[in-house]
Amino acid sequence: MAKILRGEIRWANLNPTIGNEQSGERPVLILSQDIFNERSGTVIAMALTSQDQRAGFPLTHELQKSKLPKRSWVKISQIRTLSTERIGKRIGNIDQQELAHVIDGLNEIIG
């Protein structure tokens, strides 16, 4: 598998899940640093959705520059550590400014 890089959007298999966790095969935004992804066998990621979101920032962030085929939101409150074995094909990426905004939202949630 090609290197998994911070800021990439990739397919991931999120099953099995419990309760309100995002499930199924879905896009995720990779948050963890490249060296962590390479050496740990895991990545830290947030689920994406194409469903219109009522909750605004900091719970969700609409991606503006990702060039995804559908209008998409990062579900900032849906952060997970995933085995790299769950990570699939690269779909796209976001720029550093948008990534910083998502991380700011996470910082607001976890304080």
C-alpha atoms as a PDB file:
ATOM      1  CA  MET A   1       0.000   0.000   0.000  1.00  0.00           C
ATOM      2  CA  ALA A   2       1.174   3.534  -0.727  1.00  0.00           C
ATOM      3  CA  LYS A   3       2.119   5.756   2.187  1.00  0.00           C
ATOM      4  CA  ILE A   4      -0.848   7.118   4.104  1.00  0.00           C
ATOM      5  CA  LEU A   5      -0.352  10.862   4.426  1.00  0.00           C
ATOM      6  CA  ARG A   6      -1.780  13.520   6.716  1.00  0.00           C
ATOM      7  CA  GLY A   7      -4.571  15.492   5.032  1.00  0.00           C
ATOM      8  CA  GLU A   8      -5.523  12.672   2.675  1.00  0.00           C
ATOM      9  CA  ILE A   9      -9.087  11.493   2.277  1.00  0.00           C
ATOM     10  CA  ARG A  10      -9.239   7.713   1.936  1.00  0.00           C
ATOM     11  CA  TRP A  11     -11.792   4.950   1.989  1.00  0.00           C
ATOM     12  CA  ALA A  12     -11.923   3.049   5.282  1.00  0.00           C
ATOM     13  CA  ASN A  13     -13.878   0.125   6.631  1.00  0.00           C
ATOM     14  CA  LEU A  14     -15.273   1.344   9.956  1.00  0.00           C
ATOM     15  CA  ASN A  15     -17.174  -1.836  10.863  1.00  0.00           C
ATOM     16  CA  PRO A  16     -17.827  -3.141  13.429  1.00  0.00           C
ATOM     17  CA  THR A  17     -19.305  -0.201  15.294  1.00  0.00           C
ATOM     18  CA  ILE A  18     -21.541   0.397  18.285  1.00  0.00           C
ATOM     19  CA  GLY A  19     -24.272   2.982  18.883  1.00  0.00           C
ATOM     20  CA  ASN A  20     -23.909   6.301  17.053  1.00  0.00           C
ATOM     21  CA  GLU A  21     -20.462   5.654  15.587  1.00  0.00           C
ATOM     22  CA  GLN A  22     -20.114   6.138  11.841  1.00  0.00           C
ATOM     23  CA  SER A  23     -20.168   2.735  10.193  1.00  0.00           C
ATOM     24  CA  GLY A  24     -19.514   0.970   6.947  1.00  0.00           C
ATOM     25  CA  GLU A  25     -17.150   1.678   4.108  1.00  0.00           C
ATOM     26  CA  ARG A  26     -16.791   5.456   4.053  1.00  0.00           C
ATOM     27  CA  PRO A  27     -14.292   8.227   3.460  1.00  0.00           C
ATOM     28  CA  VAL A  28     -12.110   9.404   6.319  1.00  0.00           C
ATOM     29  CA  LEU A  29      -9.743  12.341   6.726  1.00  0.00           C
ATOM     30  CA  ILE A  30      -6.287  11.311   7.944  1.00  0.00           C
ATOM     31  CA  LEU A  31      -5.158  13.556  10.831  1.00  0.00           C
ATOM     32  CA  SER A  32      -2.089  11.808  12.182  1.00  0.00           C
ATOM     33  CA  GLN A  33       1.425  12.726  11.099  1.00  0.00           C
ATOM     34  CA  ASP A  34       3.027  10.755   8.255  1.00  0.00           C
ATOM     35  CA  ILE A  35       5.753   9.233  10.447  1.00  0.00           C
ATOM     36  CA  PHE A  36       3.119   8.011  12.950  1.00  0.00           C
ATOM     37  CA  ASN A  37       1.107   6.441  10.125  1.00  0.00           C
ATOM     38  CA  GLU A  38       4.172   4.672   8.755  1.00  0.00           C
ATOM     39  CA  ARG A  39       5.572   3.334  12.018  1.00  0.00           C
ATOM     40  CA  SER A  40       2.577   2.602  14.251  1.00  0.00           C
ATOM     41  CA  GLY A  41       0.402   0.471  11.996  1.00  0.00           C
ATOM     42  CA  THR A  42      -2.483   2.804  12.831  1.00  0.00           C
ATOM     43  CA  VAL A  43      -3.827   6.185  11.753  1.00  0.00           C
ATOM     44  CA  ILE A  44      -5.952   8.778  13.504  1.00  0.00           C
ATOM     45  CA  ALA A  45      -8.868   9.780  11.293  1.00  0.00           C
ATOM     46  CA  MET A  46     -12.252  11.502  11.202  1.00  0.00           C
ATOM     47  CA  ALA A  47     -15.263  10.169   9.343  1.00  0.00           C
ATOM     48  CA  LEU A  48     -16.756  12.110   6.425  1.00  0.00           C
ATOM     49  CA  THR A  49     -20.382  12.270   5.381  1.00  0.00           C
ATOM     50  CA  SER A  50     -22.255  13.574   2.356  1.00  0.00           C
ATOM     51  CA  GLN A  51     -25.435  14.001   4.395  1.00  0.00           C
ATOM     52  CA  ASP A  52     -26.294  17.667   4.978  1.00  0.00           C
ATOM     53  CA  GLN A  53     -25.303  18.505   8.557  1.00  0.00           C
ATOM     54  CA  ARG A  54     -27.401  20.565  10.970  1.00  0.00           C
ATOM     55  CA  ALA A  55     -24.608  20.734  13.528  1.00  0.00           C
ATOM     56  CA  GLY A  56     -22.077  23.374  12.631  1.00  0.00           C
ATOM     57  CA  PHE A  57     -18.512  23.996  13.637  1.00  0.00           C
ATOM     58  CA  PRO A  58     -16.867  22.648  15.785  1.00  0.00           C
ATOM     59  CA  LEU A  59     -18.864  19.393  15.438  1.00  0.00           C
ATOM     60  CA  THR A  60     -18.713  19.386  11.640  1.00  0.00           C
ATOM     61  CA  HIS A  61     -16.851  21.226   8.908  1.00  0.00           C
ATOM     62  CA  GLU A  62     -17.928  21.410   5.281  1.00  0.00           C
ATOM     63  CA  LEU A  63     -14.994  20.712   2.978  1.00  0.00           C
ATOM     64  CA  GLN A  64     -14.595  23.535   0.493  1.00  0.00           C
ATOM     65  CA  LYS A  65     -11.459  22.648  -1.481  1.00  0.00           C
ATOM     66  CA  SER A  66     -11.319  18.849  -1.527  1.00  0.00           C
ATOM     67  CA  LYS A  67     -12.646  18.266  -5.086  1.00  0.00           C
ATOM     68  CA  LEU A  68     -14.656  15.270  -3.871  1.00  0.00           C
ATOM     69  CA  PRO A  69     -17.464  14.041  -6.135  1.00  0.00           C
ATOM     70  CA  LYS A  70     -20.085  14.957  -3.507  1.00  0.00           C
ATOM     71  CA  ARG A  71     -20.526  17.856  -1.118  1.00  0.00           C
ATOM     72  CA  SER A  72     -18.921  16.541   2.090  1.00  0.00           C
ATOM     73  CA  TRP A  73     -18.515  17.329   5.777  1.00  0.00           C
ATOM     74  CA  VAL A  74     -15.854  16.192   8.223  1.00  0.00           C
ATOM     75  CA  LYS A  75     -17.535  14.863  11.359  1.00  0.00           C
ATOM     76  CA  ILE A  76     -15.023  16.333  13.797  1.00  0.00           C
ATOM     77  CA  SER A  77     -16.685  14.605  16.733  1.00  0.00           C
ATOM     78  CA  GLN A  78     -16.196  11.206  15.029  1.00  0.00           C
ATOM     79  CA  ILE A  79     -12.448  10.731  15.536  1.00  0.00           C
ATOM     80  CA  ARG A  80     -10.988   7.210  15.615  1.00  0.00           C
ATOM     81  CA  THR A  81      -7.709   5.359  15.704  1.00  0.00           C
ATOM     82  CA  LEU A  82      -7.796   2.787  12.908  1.00  0.00           C
ATOM     83  CA  SER A  83      -5.496  -0.019  11.866  1.00  0.00           C
ATOM     84  CA  THR A  84      -3.846   0.732   8.531  1.00  0.00           C
ATOM     85  CA  GLU A  85      -5.433  -2.564   7.422  1.00  0.00           C
ATOM     86  CA  ARG A  86      -8.803  -0.742   7.460  1.00  0.00           C
ATOM     87  CA  ILE A  87      -7.524   2.010   5.126  1.00  0.00           C
ATOM     88  CA  GLY A  88      -8.145   1.760   1.407  1.00  0.00           C
ATOM     89  CA  LYS A  89      -7.785   3.775  -1.757  1.00  0.00           C
ATOM     90  CA  ARG A  90      -6.950   7.492  -1.728  1.00  0.00           C
ATOM     91  CA  ILE A  91      -9.871   9.705  -2.803  1.00  0.00           C
ATOM     92  CA  GLY A  92      -8.325  13.147  -2.437  1.00  0.00           C
ATOM     93  CA  ASN A  93      -6.839  15.515   0.098  1.00  0.00           C
ATOM     94  CA  ILE A  94      -7.386  18.850   1.809  1.00  0.00           C
ATOM     95  CA  ASP A  95      -4.957  21.753   2.040  1.00  0.00           C
ATOM     96  CA  GLN A  96      -3.036  22.727   5.166  1.00  0.00           C
ATOM     97  CA  GLN A  97      -5.305  25.693   5.944  1.00  0.00           C
ATOM     98  CA  GLU A  98      -8.451  23.565   5.927  1.00  0.00           C
ATOM     99  CA  LEU A  99      -6.703  20.833   7.935  1.00  0.00           C
ATOM    100  CA  ALA A 100      -5.705  23.426  10.546  1.00  0.00           C
ATOM    101  CA  HIS A 101      -9.347  24.544  10.766  1.00  0.00           C
ATOM    102  CA  VAL A 102     -10.506  20.955  11.403  1.00  0.00           C
ATOM    103  CA  ILE A 103      -7.873  20.547  14.120  1.00  0.00           C
ATOM    104  CA  ASP A 104      -9.026  23.832  15.687  1.00  0.00           C
ATOM    105  CA  GLY A 105     -12.531  22.349  15.846  1.00  0.00           C
ATOM    106  CA  LEU A 106     -11.215  19.230  17.567  1.00  0.00           C
ATOM    107  CA  ASN A 107      -9.357  21.411  20.074  1.00  0.00           C
ATOM    108  CA  GLU A 108     -12.623  23.243  20.840  1.00  0.00           C
ATOM    109  CA  ILE A 109     -14.378  19.956  21.537  1.00  0.00           C
ATOM    110  CA  ILE A 110     -11.690  18.399  23.725  1.00  0.00           C
ATOM    111  CA  GLY A 111     -10.437  21.690  25.224  1.00  0.00           C
END
